[in-house]
């Protein structure tokens, strides 16, 4: 039982040793330990404050980035709208120009057709005239193959000349 219940002398020596250790610790180690703990606590608080500041800055940067991204999206949408409007305008101008060119080509074709038509009519008239002359020449040759018919025509023409 000596191990379970210590003797009174042992308890006194343990109290004296503990008191000396406590005095030495209080005199030399307690202040440095407390200052180290306070310094550690202060550094942890500073780190937490820095982390909070960094978190706030990150939130601000994130909000600013989102704002910039939103502005960029709006600008992109405006640029796309402008590009679409410009493309529509260019297409409309091209259509108008094509219609004008088509109308001009049609007018030129009509004028060319009219010119060709007049030229063809003129050529037909010339051909009809040539054919008429050829027919008339053949008829006259046939009718005036005899000398008496020729003399009668000449006399008739001379009479007409005198009357005028």
N, C-alpha and C. Protein backbone atom coordinates (compact mmCIF):
# COMPACT_ATOMS: atom_id res chain seq x y z
N UNK A 1 0.80 -1.17 0.00
CA UNK A 1 0.00 0.00 0.00
C UNK A 1 0.85 1.25 0.00
N UNK A 2 2.09 1.07 0.19
CA UNK A 2 2.97 2.22 0.20
C UNK A 2 2.94 2.94 -1.15
N UNK A 3 2.67 2.20 -2.13
CA UNK A 3 2.66 2.83 -3.45
C UNK A 3 1.40 3.64 -3.66
N UNK A 4 0.32 3.23 -3.11
CA UNK A 4 -0.93 3.93 -3.32
C UNK A 4 -1.01 5.14 -2.40
N UNK A 5 -0.65 5.02 -1.17
CA UNK A 5 -0.71 6.14 -0.24
C UNK A 5 0.74 6.51 0.08
N UNK A 6 1.20 7.67 -0.41
CA UNK A 6 2.58 8.05 -0.14
C UNK A 6 2.74 8.53 1.32
N UNK A 7 3.96 8.53 1.74
CA UNK A 7 4.26 8.96 3.10
C UNK A 7 4.25 10.47 3.21
N UNK A 8 4.12 10.99 4.44
CA UNK A 8 4.02 12.43 4.65
C UNK A 8 5.32 13.12 4.28
N UNK A 9 6.46 12.51 4.46
CA UNK A 9 7.74 13.11 4.09
C UNK A 9 7.86 13.29 2.58
N UNK A 10 7.39 12.30 1.90
CA UNK A 10 7.43 12.39 0.42
C UNK A 10 6.53 13.51 -0.08
N UNK A 11 5.40 13.67 0.54
CA UNK A 11 4.48 14.73 0.13
C UNK A 11 5.11 16.08 0.41
N UNK A 12 5.80 16.25 1.52
CA UNK A 12 6.42 17.53 1.84
C UNK A 12 7.52 17.82 0.85
N UNK A 13 8.35 16.82 0.54
CA UNK A 13 9.42 17.04 -0.44
C UNK A 13 8.83 17.32 -1.84
N UNK A 14 7.80 16.71 -2.15
CA UNK A 14 7.16 16.98 -3.46
C UNK A 14 6.60 18.40 -3.49
N UNK A 15 6.01 18.87 -2.38
CA UNK A 15 5.47 20.23 -2.32
C UNK A 15 6.62 21.22 -2.40
N UNK A 16 7.72 20.96 -1.72
CA UNK A 16 8.88 21.87 -1.75
C UNK A 16 9.45 21.90 -3.17
N UNK A 17 9.62 20.75 -3.79
CA UNK A 17 10.16 20.70 -5.17
C UNK A 17 9.25 21.39 -6.17
N UNK A 18 7.97 21.15 -5.98
CA UNK A 18 7.00 21.80 -6.88
C UNK A 18 7.00 23.31 -6.69
N UNK A 19 7.13 23.76 -5.43
CA UNK A 19 7.16 25.20 -5.14
C UNK A 19 8.40 25.84 -5.75
N UNK A 20 9.57 25.17 -5.62
CA UNK A 20 10.81 25.70 -6.21
C UNK A 20 10.66 25.77 -7.74
N UNK A 21 10.13 24.69 -8.32
CA UNK A 21 9.93 24.67 -9.78
C UNK A 21 8.96 25.76 -10.19
N UNK A 22 7.91 25.93 -9.42
CA UNK A 22 6.93 26.98 -9.72
C UNK A 22 7.56 28.36 -9.60
N UNK A 23 8.39 28.57 -8.57
CA UNK A 23 9.07 29.86 -8.41
C UNK A 23 10.01 30.12 -9.58
N UNK A 24 10.80 29.13 -9.96
CA UNK A 24 11.75 29.29 -11.08
C UNK A 24 10.98 29.58 -12.37
N UNK A 25 9.94 28.82 -12.57
CA UNK A 25 9.13 29.03 -13.79
C UNK A 25 8.50 30.42 -13.76
N UNK A 26 7.97 30.86 -12.62
CA UNK A 26 7.34 32.18 -12.52
C UNK A 26 8.37 33.27 -12.70
N UNK A 27 9.58 33.06 -12.17
CA UNK A 27 10.61 34.09 -12.24
C UNK A 27 11.21 34.18 -13.64
N UNK A 28 11.51 33.07 -14.26
CA UNK A 28 12.25 33.12 -15.52
C UNK A 28 11.45 32.71 -16.76
N UNK A 29 10.56 31.78 -16.66
CA UNK A 29 9.91 31.24 -17.86
C UNK A 29 8.50 31.75 -18.08
N UNK A 30 7.81 32.12 -17.02
CA UNK A 30 6.40 32.48 -17.15
C UNK A 30 6.21 33.68 -18.05
N UNK A 31 6.98 34.75 -17.84
CA UNK A 31 6.84 35.96 -18.66
C UNK A 31 7.18 35.69 -20.13
N UNK A 32 8.29 35.03 -20.43
CA UNK A 32 8.57 34.73 -21.84
C UNK A 32 7.50 33.84 -22.48
N UNK A 33 6.98 32.88 -21.71
CA UNK A 33 5.94 32.01 -22.26
C UNK A 33 4.69 32.82 -22.54
N UNK A 34 4.29 33.68 -21.57
CA UNK A 34 3.10 34.51 -21.77
C UNK A 34 3.30 35.49 -22.93
N UNK A 35 4.50 36.09 -22.97
CA UNK A 35 4.74 37.02 -24.09
C UNK A 35 4.73 36.28 -25.43
N UNK A 36 5.28 35.07 -25.46
CA UNK A 36 5.25 34.27 -26.70
C UNK A 36 3.81 33.92 -27.06
N UNK A 37 3.01 33.58 -26.05
CA UNK A 37 1.61 33.26 -26.32
C UNK A 37 0.85 34.51 -26.80
N UNK A 38 1.13 35.63 -26.16
CA UNK A 38 0.47 36.88 -26.61
C UNK A 38 0.90 37.25 -28.02
N UNK A 39 2.21 37.07 -28.27
CA UNK A 39 2.71 37.35 -29.62
C UNK A 39 2.08 36.40 -30.63
N UNK A 40 1.96 35.17 -30.27
CA UNK A 40 1.32 34.17 -31.16
C UNK A 40 -0.14 34.54 -31.36
N UNK A 41 -0.84 34.92 -30.30
CA UNK A 41 -2.24 35.31 -30.41
C UNK A 41 -2.37 36.54 -31.31
N UNK A 42 -1.45 37.49 -31.11
CA UNK A 42 -1.48 38.71 -31.93
C UNK A 42 -1.21 38.39 -33.40
N UNK A 43 -0.24 37.51 -33.65
CA UNK A 43 0.06 37.15 -35.05
C UNK A 43 -1.13 36.41 -35.68
N UNK A 44 -1.80 35.58 -34.89
CA UNK A 44 -2.99 34.87 -35.41
C UNK A 44 -4.09 35.87 -35.72
N UNK A 45 -4.30 36.85 -34.81
CA UNK A 45 -5.31 37.89 -35.07
C UNK A 45 -4.97 38.69 -36.31
N UNK A 46 -3.69 39.04 -36.43
CA UNK A 46 -3.25 39.79 -37.63
C UNK A 46 -3.47 38.97 -38.90
N UNK A 47 -3.15 37.69 -38.80
CA UNK A 47 -3.36 36.82 -39.95
C UNK A 47 -4.84 36.73 -40.29
N UNK A 48 -5.68 36.63 -39.27
CA UNK A 48 -7.13 36.57 -39.52
C UNK A 48 -7.63 37.87 -40.13
N UNK A 49 -7.11 39.01 -39.59
CA UNK A 49 -7.50 40.30 -40.17
C UNK A 49 -7.03 40.42 -41.61
N UNK A 50 -5.79 40.01 -41.86
CA UNK A 50 -5.27 40.05 -43.23
C UNK A 50 -6.09 39.15 -44.14
N UNK A 51 -6.46 37.98 -43.62
CA UNK A 51 -7.28 37.06 -44.43
C UNK A 51 -8.65 37.69 -44.70
N UNK A 52 -9.22 38.35 -43.72
CA UNK A 52 -10.51 39.01 -43.92
C UNK A 52 -10.38 40.14 -44.95
N UNK A 53 -9.30 40.92 -44.81
CA UNK A 53 -9.06 42.01 -45.78
C UNK A 53 -8.87 41.43 -47.17
N UNK A 54 -8.09 40.35 -47.25
CA UNK A 54 -7.87 39.71 -48.56
C UNK A 54 -9.18 39.17 -49.12
N UNK A 55 -10.01 38.58 -48.25
CA UNK A 55 -11.30 38.06 -48.69
C UNK A 55 -12.18 39.20 -49.22
N UNK A 56 -12.17 40.32 -48.48
CA UNK A 56 -12.95 41.49 -48.94
C UNK A 56 -12.42 42.02 -50.26
N UNK A 57 -11.09 42.09 -50.37
CA UNK A 57 -10.49 42.55 -51.63
C UNK A 57 -10.84 41.60 -52.76
N UNK A 58 -10.81 40.30 -52.48
CA UNK A 58 -11.17 39.32 -53.52
C UNK A 58 -12.63 39.47 -53.92
N UNK A 59 -13.48 39.73 -52.91
CA UNK A 59 -14.90 39.93 -53.23
C UNK A 59 -15.06 41.19 -54.08
N UNK A 60 -14.32 42.25 -53.71
CA UNK A 60 -14.38 43.49 -54.50
C UNK A 60 -13.86 43.25 -55.92
N UNK A 61 -12.73 42.54 -56.01
CA UNK A 61 -12.18 42.24 -57.34
C UNK A 61 -13.14 41.38 -58.15
N UNK A 62 -13.77 40.41 -57.48
CA UNK A 62 -14.73 39.56 -58.18
C UNK A 62 -15.91 40.39 -58.68
N UNK A 63 -16.41 41.29 -57.81
CA UNK A 63 -17.52 42.16 -58.22
C UNK A 63 -17.08 43.07 -59.37
N UNK A 64 -15.87 43.60 -59.26
CA UNK A 64 -15.36 44.47 -60.33
C UNK A 64 -15.18 43.69 -61.63
N UNK A 65 -14.66 42.46 -61.51
CA UNK A 65 -14.50 41.62 -62.69
C UNK A 65 -15.85 41.31 -63.33
N UNK A 66 -16.83 41.02 -62.50
CA UNK A 66 -18.18 40.75 -63.03
C UNK A 66 -18.75 41.99 -63.71
N UNK A 67 -18.49 43.15 -63.11
CA UNK A 67 -18.96 44.40 -63.71
C UNK A 67 -18.28 44.62 -65.06
N UNK A 68 -16.97 44.41 -65.10
CA UNK A 68 -16.23 44.57 -66.36
C UNK A 68 -16.72 43.56 -67.39
N UNK A 69 -16.95 42.33 -66.94
CA UNK A 69 -17.45 41.29 -67.84
C UNK A 69 -18.83 41.66 -68.38
N UNK A 70 -19.69 42.19 -67.50
CA UNK A 70 -21.02 42.62 -67.93
C UNK A 70 -20.92 43.74 -68.95
N UNK A 71 -20.04 44.71 -68.67
CA UNK A 71 -19.85 45.82 -69.62
C UNK A 71 -19.33 45.30 -70.95
N UNK A 72 -18.41 44.34 -70.89
CA UNK A 72 -17.87 43.75 -72.12
C UNK A 72 -18.97 43.04 -72.90
N UNK A 73 -19.86 42.34 -72.18
CA UNK A 73 -20.98 41.66 -72.86
C UNK A 73 -21.90 42.67 -73.51
N UNK A 74 -22.17 43.76 -72.79
CA UNK A 74 -23.04 44.80 -73.36
C UNK A 74 -22.38 45.41 -74.59
N UNK A 75 -21.08 45.69 -74.50
CA UNK A 75 -20.36 46.26 -75.63
C UNK A 75 -20.35 45.29 -76.81
N UNK A 76 -20.15 43.98 -76.50
CA UNK A 76 -20.16 42.98 -77.55
C UNK A 76 -21.53 42.93 -78.24
N UNK A 77 -22.59 42.97 -77.41
CA UNK A 77 -23.94 42.95 -77.97
C UNK A 77 -24.18 44.17 -78.85
N UNK A 78 -23.70 45.34 -78.40
CA UNK A 78 -23.86 46.54 -79.21
C UNK A 78 -23.09 46.44 -80.51
N UNK A 79 -21.87 45.89 -80.43
CA UNK A 79 -21.07 45.73 -81.64
C UNK A 79 -21.75 44.75 -82.60
N UNK A 80 -22.30 43.66 -82.06
CA UNK A 80 -23.01 42.70 -82.92
C UNK A 80 -24.23 43.34 -83.55
N UNK A 81 -24.94 44.16 -82.77
CA UNK A 81 -26.12 44.84 -83.30
C UNK A 81 -25.72 45.81 -84.41
N UNK A 82 -24.63 46.55 -84.17
CA UNK A 82 -24.14 47.47 -85.20
C UNK A 82 -23.71 46.70 -86.45
N UNK A 83 -23.00 45.59 -86.23
CA UNK A 83 -22.55 44.79 -87.37
C UNK A 83 -23.74 44.24 -88.14
N UNK A 84 -24.76 43.80 -87.43
CA UNK A 84 -25.96 43.28 -88.09
C UNK A 84 -26.65 44.38 -88.88
N UNK A 85 -26.78 45.56 -88.26
CA UNK A 85 -27.40 46.69 -88.95
C UNK A 85 -26.59 47.08 -90.19
N UNK A 86 -25.27 47.11 -90.03
CA UNK A 86 -24.40 47.46 -91.16
C UNK A 86 -24.54 46.41 -92.27
N UNK A 87 -24.58 45.15 -91.89
CA UNK A 87 -24.73 44.08 -92.89
C UNK A 87 -26.07 44.22 -93.61
N UNK A 88 -27.14 44.50 -92.86
CA UNK A 88 -28.45 44.69 -93.49
C UNK A 88 -28.42 45.87 -94.44
N UNK A 89 -27.78 46.94 -94.00
CA UNK A 89 -27.70 48.14 -94.85
C UNK A 89 -26.91 47.84 -96.12
N UNK A 90 -25.80 47.13 -95.98
CA UNK A 90 -24.98 46.78 -97.15
C UNK A 90 -25.79 45.89 -98.09
N UNK A 91 -26.54 44.94 -97.52
CA UNK A 91 -27.36 44.05 -98.35
C UNK A 91 -28.43 44.85 -99.08
N UNK A 92 -29.07 45.78 -98.37
CA UNK A 92 -30.10 46.61 -99.00
C UNK A 92 -29.49 47.45 -100.12
N UNK A 93 -28.33 48.04 -99.84
CA UNK A 93 -27.66 48.84 -100.88
C UNK A 93 -27.30 47.98 -102.08
N UNK A 94 -26.82 46.76 -101.79
CA UNK A 94 -26.47 45.86 -102.89
C UNK A 94 -27.70 45.47 -103.69
N UNK A 95 -28.83 45.24 -102.99
CA UNK A 95 -30.07 44.91 -103.70
C UNK A 95 -30.51 46.07 -104.58
N UNK A 96 -30.47 47.28 -103.99
CA UNK A 96 -30.86 48.45 -104.78
C UNK A 96 -29.95 48.63 -105.98
N UNK A 97 -28.66 48.47 -105.76
CA UNK A 97 -27.70 48.63 -106.86
C UNK A 97 -27.95 47.55 -107.92
N UNK A 98 -28.22 46.32 -107.46
CA UNK A 98 -28.49 45.23 -108.40
C UNK A 98 -29.77 45.52 -109.19
N UNK A 99 -30.79 46.04 -108.50
CA UNK A 99 -32.03 46.37 -109.20
C UNK A 99 -31.79 47.48 -110.21
N UNK A 100 -31.01 48.49 -109.80
CA UNK A 100 -30.70 49.57 -110.73
C UNK A 100 -29.90 49.05 -111.92
N UNK A 101 -28.91 48.20 -111.62
CA UNK A 101 -28.12 47.62 -112.70
C UNK A 101 -28.99 46.76 -113.61
N UNK A 102 -29.90 45.99 -112.99
CA UNK A 102 -30.80 45.16 -113.79
C UNK A 102 -31.71 46.01 -114.66
N UNK A 103 -32.27 47.08 -114.07
CA UNK A 103 -33.13 47.97 -114.85
C UNK A 103 -32.33 48.62 -115.98
N UNK A 104 -31.10 49.01 -115.67
CA UNK A 104 -30.25 49.63 -116.70
C UNK A 104 -29.95 48.63 -117.81
N UNK A 105 -29.65 47.39 -117.41
CA UNK A 105 -29.37 46.36 -118.42
C UNK A 105 -30.61 46.08 -119.27
N UNK A 106 -31.78 46.06 -118.61
CA UNK A 106 -33.03 45.85 -119.36
C UNK A 106 -33.25 46.98 -120.35
N UNK A 107 -33.04 48.22 -119.90
CA UNK A 107 -33.20 49.38 -120.79
C UNK A 107 -32.21 49.30 -121.95
N UNK A 108 -30.96 48.95 -121.63
CA UNK A 108 -29.96 48.82 -122.69
C UNK A 108 -30.35 47.71 -123.66
N UNK A 109 -30.85 46.59 -123.11
CA UNK A 109 -31.26 45.48 -123.97
C UNK A 109 -32.45 45.90 -124.85
N UNK A 110 -33.42 46.63 -124.23
CA UNK A 110 -34.56 47.11 -125.03
C UNK A 110 -34.09 48.04 -126.13
N UNK A 111 -33.16 48.93 -125.80
CA UNK A 111 -32.65 49.86 -126.81
C UNK A 111 -31.91 49.09 -127.90
N UNK A 112 -31.13 48.10 -127.50
CA UNK A 112 -30.39 47.30 -128.48
C UNK A 112 -31.37 46.51 -129.35
N UNK A 113 -32.41 45.96 -128.73
CA UNK A 113 -33.42 45.22 -129.49
C UNK A 113 -34.12 46.15 -130.48
N UNK A 114 -34.47 47.34 -129.99
CA UNK A 114 -35.14 48.32 -130.87
C UNK A 114 -34.23 48.70 -132.03
N UNK A 115 -32.95 48.91 -131.73
CA UNK A 115 -32.00 49.24 -132.79
C UNK A 115 -31.87 48.10 -133.79
N UNK A 116 -31.74 46.88 -133.25
CA UNK A 116 -31.65 45.71 -134.13
C UNK A 116 -32.92 45.54 -134.94
N UNK A 117 -34.07 45.81 -134.32
CA UNK A 117 -35.35 45.69 -135.02
C UNK A 117 -35.41 46.68 -136.18
N UNK A 118 -35.02 47.93 -135.89
CA UNK A 118 -35.02 48.94 -136.96
C UNK A 118 -34.04 48.58 -138.06
N UNK A 119 -32.88 48.07 -137.67
CA UNK A 119 -31.88 47.67 -138.67
C UNK A 119 -32.43 46.50 -139.50
N UNK A 120 -33.09 45.55 -138.83
CA UNK A 120 -33.65 44.41 -139.55
C UNK A 120 -34.76 44.87 -140.49
N UNK A 121 -35.63 45.80 -140.02
CA UNK A 121 -36.69 46.33 -140.90
C UNK A 121 -36.07 47.05 -142.09
N UNK A 122 -35.02 47.81 -141.83
CA UNK A 122 -34.36 48.53 -142.92
C UNK A 122 -33.77 47.55 -143.93
N UNK A 123 -33.18 46.48 -143.40
CA UNK A 123 -32.60 45.48 -144.30
C UNK A 123 -33.69 44.77 -145.08
N UNK A 124 -34.84 44.48 -144.41
CA UNK A 124 -35.96 43.86 -145.12
C UNK A 124 -36.45 44.78 -146.23
N UNK A 125 -36.54 46.09 -145.90
CA UNK A 125 -36.98 47.05 -146.93
C UNK A 125 -36.01 47.05 -148.10
N UNK A 126 -34.73 47.02 -147.78
CA UNK A 126 -33.74 47.00 -148.86
C UNK A 126 -33.88 45.74 -149.68
N UNK A 127 -34.04 44.61 -149.00
CA UNK A 127 -34.19 43.34 -149.70
C UNK A 127 -35.45 43.33 -150.56
N UNK A 128 -36.56 43.88 -150.00
CA UNK A 128 -37.81 43.96 -150.76
C UNK A 128 -37.60 44.85 -151.97
N UNK A 129 -36.89 45.97 -151.76
CA UNK A 129 -36.61 46.87 -152.89
C UNK A 129 -35.79 46.19 -153.96
N UNK A 130 -34.76 45.47 -153.54
CA UNK A 130 -33.90 44.77 -154.50
C UNK A 130 -34.71 43.72 -155.24
N UNK A 131 -35.51 42.96 -154.48
CA UNK A 131 -36.34 41.94 -155.12
C UNK A 131 -37.35 42.57 -156.08
N UNK A 132 -37.93 43.70 -155.65
CA UNK A 132 -38.89 44.38 -156.52
C UNK A 132 -38.21 44.84 -157.80
N UNK A 133 -37.03 45.39 -157.67
CA UNK A 133 -36.30 45.84 -158.86
C UNK A 133 -35.96 44.67 -159.76
N UNK A 134 -35.54 43.57 -159.15
CA UNK A 134 -35.21 42.39 -159.96
C UNK A 134 -36.45 41.89 -160.70
N UNK A 135 -37.59 41.86 -159.96
CA UNK A 135 -38.84 41.42 -160.60
C UNK A 135 -39.23 42.39 -161.70
N UNK A 136 -39.13 43.68 -161.38
CA UNK A 136 -39.51 44.68 -162.38
C UNK A 136 -38.59 44.57 -163.60
N UNK A 137 -37.31 44.38 -163.34
CA UNK A 137 -36.37 44.26 -164.46
C UNK A 137 -36.72 43.06 -165.32
N UNK A 138 -37.03 41.93 -164.69
CA UNK A 138 -37.37 40.74 -165.45
C UNK A 138 -38.66 40.95 -166.23
N UNK A 139 -39.64 41.63 -165.58
CA UNK A 139 -40.90 41.89 -166.28
C UNK A 139 -40.68 42.83 -167.45
N UNK A 140 -39.89 43.87 -167.21
CA UNK A 140 -39.65 44.83 -168.28
C UNK A 140 -38.88 44.18 -169.43
N UNK A 141 -37.93 43.35 -169.09
CA UNK A 141 -37.17 42.68 -170.14
C UNK A 141 -38.10 41.80 -170.96
N UNK A 142 -39.02 41.13 -170.26
CA UNK A 142 -39.94 40.25 -170.96
C UNK A 142 -40.90 41.07 -171.81
N UNK A 143 -41.43 42.19 -171.24
CA UNK A 143 -42.40 43.02 -171.96
C UNK A 143 -41.74 43.80 -173.09
N UNK A 144 -40.52 44.22 -172.88
CA UNK A 144 -39.86 45.05 -173.90
C UNK A 144 -38.83 44.27 -174.70
N UNK A 145 -39.03 43.01 -174.79
CA UNK A 145 -38.13 42.22 -175.59
C UNK A 145 -38.32 42.56 -177.07
N UNK A 146 -39.45 43.03 -177.37
CA UNK A 146 -39.71 43.42 -178.75
C UNK A 146 -39.37 44.89 -178.91
N UNK A 147 -38.87 45.28 -180.06
CA UNK A 147 -38.48 46.67 -180.31
C UNK A 147 -39.71 47.56 -180.41
N UNK A 148 -40.81 47.10 -180.88
CA UNK A 148 -42.00 47.93 -181.02
C UNK A 148 -42.53 48.35 -179.66
N UNK A 149 -42.49 47.50 -178.69
CA UNK A 149 -42.97 47.82 -177.34
C UNK A 149 -42.07 48.86 -176.73
N UNK A 150 -40.77 48.78 -177.02
CA UNK A 150 -39.83 49.75 -176.45
C UNK A 150 -40.08 51.13 -177.07
N UNK A 151 -40.31 51.16 -178.36
CA UNK A 151 -40.54 52.44 -179.03
C UNK A 151 -41.83 53.06 -178.54
N UNK A 152 -42.85 52.29 -178.30
CA UNK A 152 -44.12 52.81 -177.81
C UNK A 152 -43.95 53.40 -176.42
N UNK A 153 -43.19 52.78 -175.60
CA UNK A 153 -42.94 53.30 -174.24
C UNK A 153 -42.17 54.59 -174.32
N UNK A 154 -41.17 54.65 -175.16
CA UNK A 154 -40.36 55.87 -175.27
C UNK A 154 -41.23 57.00 -175.77
N UNK A 155 -42.06 56.78 -176.74
CA UNK A 155 -42.93 57.83 -177.26
C UNK A 155 -43.91 58.30 -176.19
N UNK A 156 -44.42 57.41 -175.43
CA UNK A 156 -45.35 57.77 -174.37
C UNK A 156 -44.65 58.62 -173.32
N UNK A 157 -43.46 58.26 -172.98
CA UNK A 157 -42.68 59.03 -171.99
C UNK A 157 -42.36 60.42 -172.53
N UNK A 158 -42.07 60.52 -173.78
CA UNK A 158 -41.76 61.81 -174.39
C UNK A 158 -43.01 62.68 -174.37
N UNK A 159 -44.18 62.12 -174.61
CA UNK A 159 -45.42 62.89 -174.56
C UNK A 159 -45.64 63.44 -173.17
N UNK A 160 -45.40 62.62 -172.19
CA UNK A 160 -45.58 63.05 -170.80
C UNK A 160 -44.61 64.18 -170.45
N UNK A 161 -43.44 64.15 -171.02
CA UNK A 161 -42.45 65.18 -170.75
C UNK A 161 -42.88 66.52 -171.34
N UNK A 162 -43.44 66.46 -172.50
CA UNK A 162 -43.86 67.68 -173.16
C UNK A 162 -45.04 68.30 -172.44
N UNK A 163 -45.87 67.50 -171.89
CA UNK A 163 -47.05 68.04 -171.23
C UNK A 163 -46.67 68.74 -169.91
N UNK A 164 -45.68 68.33 -169.30
CA UNK A 164 -45.28 68.93 -168.02
C UNK A 164 -44.49 70.12 -168.34
